[in-house]
Amino acid sequence: MKFVRLLIIVLFCAVVFLGCSKITRENFGKIKMGMGYEDVVGIIGEPDTCDGALGAKKCVWGNETKNITITFMGEKVILPAMKGL
């Protein structure tokens, strides 16, 4: 009985956390050119990866099949892109 209760709790938590992704077409639409990095993080959360060179920074939220990729220059959005949304 304890095992079943624990299993139900774990499954419920998984559904809640996985179903609440901020990586959506709607949230992508809120991201505008010139928007600051912190404003973007406020909309879609911390990025999964970021790489930077020569003052530019490319950050990715999500995975290879479903993601939002944004290039920043001087902490401002210059190129937002989405895949699989």
C-alpha atoms as a PDB file:
ATOM      1  CA  MET A   1       0.000   0.000   0.000  1.00  0.00           C
ATOM      2  CA  LYS A   2       2.837   2.422   0.812  1.00  0.00           C
ATOM      3  CA  PHE A   3       4.448   1.634  -2.530  1.00  0.00           C
ATOM      4  CA  VAL A   4       1.256   2.466  -4.449  1.00  0.00           C
ATOM      5  CA  ARG A   5       0.830   5.735  -2.557  1.00  0.00           C
ATOM      6  CA  LEU A   6       4.460   6.682  -3.220  1.00  0.00           C
ATOM      7  CA  LEU A   7       4.098   5.783  -6.894  1.00  0.00           C
ATOM      8  CA  ILE A   8       1.004   7.968  -7.215  1.00  0.00           C
ATOM      9  CA  ILE A   9       2.783  10.901  -5.588  1.00  0.00           C
ATOM     10  CA  VAL A  10       5.834  10.526  -7.840  1.00  0.00           C
ATOM     11  CA  LEU A  11       3.694  10.306 -10.990  1.00  0.00           C
ATOM     12  CA  PHE A  12       1.637  13.319  -9.938  1.00  0.00           C
ATOM     13  CA  CYS A  13       4.784  15.381  -9.362  1.00  0.00           C
ATOM     14  CA  ALA A  14       6.221  14.312 -12.715  1.00  0.00           C
ATOM     15  CA  VAL A  15       3.051  15.376 -14.539  1.00  0.00           C
ATOM     16  CA  VAL A  16       2.944  18.712 -12.727  1.00  0.00           C
ATOM     17  CA  PHE A  17       6.594  19.565 -13.375  1.00  0.00           C
ATOM     18  CA  LEU A  18       6.807  18.263 -16.931  1.00  0.00           C
ATOM     19  CA  GLY A  19       3.469  19.730 -17.923  1.00  0.00           C
ATOM     20  CA  CYS A  20       4.445  23.224 -16.805  1.00  0.00           C
ATOM     21  CA  SER A  21       7.139  23.891 -19.384  1.00  0.00           C
ATOM     22  CA  LYS A  22       7.715  27.541 -20.197  1.00  0.00           C
ATOM     23  CA  ILE A  23       9.051  26.551 -23.615  1.00  0.00           C
ATOM     24  CA  THR A  24       5.878  27.396 -25.564  1.00  0.00           C
ATOM     25  CA  ARG A  25       4.954  29.251 -28.733  1.00  0.00           C
ATOM     26  CA  GLU A  26       2.998  31.713 -26.579  1.00  0.00           C
ATOM     27  CA  ASN A  27       6.028  32.575 -24.435  1.00  0.00           C
ATOM     28  CA  PHE A  28       8.245  32.761 -27.524  1.00  0.00           C
ATOM     29  CA  GLY A  29       5.848  35.400 -28.864  1.00  0.00           C
ATOM     30  CA  LYS A  30       6.506  37.536 -25.787  1.00  0.00           C
ATOM     31  CA  ILE A  31      10.224  37.782 -26.592  1.00  0.00           C
ATOM     32  CA  LYS A  32      11.020  40.929 -28.570  1.00  0.00           C
ATOM     33  CA  MET A  33      14.124  42.315 -30.265  1.00  0.00           C
ATOM     34  CA  GLY A  34      16.099  44.480 -27.864  1.00  0.00           C
ATOM     35  CA  MET A  35      14.648  42.790 -24.765  1.00  0.00           C
ATOM     36  CA  GLY A  36      17.160  42.290 -21.954  1.00  0.00           C
ATOM     37  CA  TYR A  37      18.529  38.906 -20.893  1.00  0.00           C
ATOM     38  CA  GLU A  38      16.926  39.171 -17.430  1.00  0.00           C
ATOM     39  CA  ASP A  39      13.536  39.955 -19.005  1.00  0.00           C
ATOM     40  CA  VAL A  40      13.803  36.818 -21.166  1.00  0.00           C
ATOM     41  CA  VAL A  41      14.744  34.726 -18.123  1.00  0.00           C
ATOM     42  CA  GLY A  42      11.675  36.133 -16.385  1.00  0.00           C
ATOM     43  CA  ILE A  43       9.500  34.749 -19.195  1.00  0.00           C
ATOM     44  CA  ILE A  44      11.057  31.343 -19.935  1.00  0.00           C
ATOM     45  CA  GLY A  45      13.393  30.693 -17.009  1.00  0.00           C
ATOM     46  CA  GLU A  46      17.126  30.021 -16.907  1.00  0.00           C
ATOM     47  CA  PRO A  47      18.630  28.640 -20.133  1.00  0.00           C
ATOM     48  CA  ASP A  48      19.810  25.047 -20.411  1.00  0.00           C
ATOM     49  CA  THR A  49      22.999  26.150 -22.207  1.00  0.00           C
ATOM     50  CA  CYS A  50      24.775  29.368 -23.171  1.00  0.00           C
ATOM     51  CA  ASP A  51      27.869  29.897 -25.307  1.00  0.00           C
ATOM     52  CA  GLY A  52      29.504  33.216 -25.967  1.00  0.00           C
ATOM     53  CA  ALA A  53      32.211  34.853 -28.043  1.00  0.00           C
ATOM     54  CA  LEU A  54      33.116  38.411 -29.010  1.00  0.00           C
ATOM     55  CA  GLY A  55      30.329  40.013 -26.992  1.00  0.00           C
ATOM     56  CA  ALA A  56      27.593  37.752 -28.377  1.00  0.00           C
ATOM     57  CA  LYS A  57      25.888  35.049 -26.343  1.00  0.00           C
ATOM     58  CA  LYS A  58      23.704  32.237 -27.732  1.00  0.00           C
ATOM     59  CA  CYS A  59      21.398  30.568 -25.205  1.00  0.00           C
ATOM     60  CA  VAL A  60      19.149  27.544 -25.643  1.00  0.00           C
ATOM     61  CA  TRP A  61      16.069  26.569 -23.634  1.00  0.00           C
ATOM     62  CA  GLY A  62      14.776  23.047 -24.217  1.00  0.00           C
ATOM     63  CA  ASN A  63      16.215  20.118 -26.168  1.00  0.00           C
ATOM     64  CA  GLU A  64      17.170  19.310 -29.769  1.00  0.00           C
ATOM     65  CA  THR A  65      13.595  18.678 -30.925  1.00  0.00           C
ATOM     66  CA  LYS A  66      11.742  21.414 -29.015  1.00  0.00           C
ATOM     67  CA  ASN A  67      13.597  24.587 -28.095  1.00  0.00           C
ATOM     68  CA  ILE A  68      13.929  28.322 -28.023  1.00  0.00           C
ATOM     69  CA  THR A  69      17.318  29.676 -29.085  1.00  0.00           C
ATOM     70  CA  ILE A  70      18.170  33.332 -28.543  1.00  0.00           C
ATOM     71  CA  THR A  71      21.287  35.239 -29.512  1.00  0.00           C
ATOM     72  CA  PHE A  72      22.120  38.229 -27.327  1.00  0.00           C
ATOM     73  CA  MET A  73      24.505  41.091 -28.041  1.00  0.00           C
ATOM     74  CA  GLY A  74      25.352  43.231 -25.043  1.00  0.00           C
ATOM     75  CA  GLU A  75      22.680  41.382 -23.009  1.00  0.00           C
ATOM     76  CA  LYS A  76      19.952  42.369 -25.531  1.00  0.00           C
ATOM     77  CA  VAL A  77      18.018  40.030 -27.852  1.00  0.00           C
ATOM     78  CA  ILE A  78      19.193  40.269 -31.463  1.00  0.00           C
ATOM     79  CA  LEU A  79      18.003  36.925 -32.895  1.00  0.00           C
ATOM     80  CA  PRO A  80      15.197  34.828 -31.368  1.00  0.00           C
ATOM     81  CA  ALA A  81      14.384  31.437 -32.933  1.00  0.00           C
ATOM     82  CA  MET A  82      12.202  28.463 -32.078  1.00  0.00           C
ATOM     83  CA  LYS A  83      12.078  24.824 -33.137  1.00  0.00           C
ATOM     84  CA  GLY A  84       9.322  22.251 -32.712  1.00  0.00           C
ATOM     85  CA  LEU A  85       6.870  24.489 -30.849  1.00  0.00           C
END
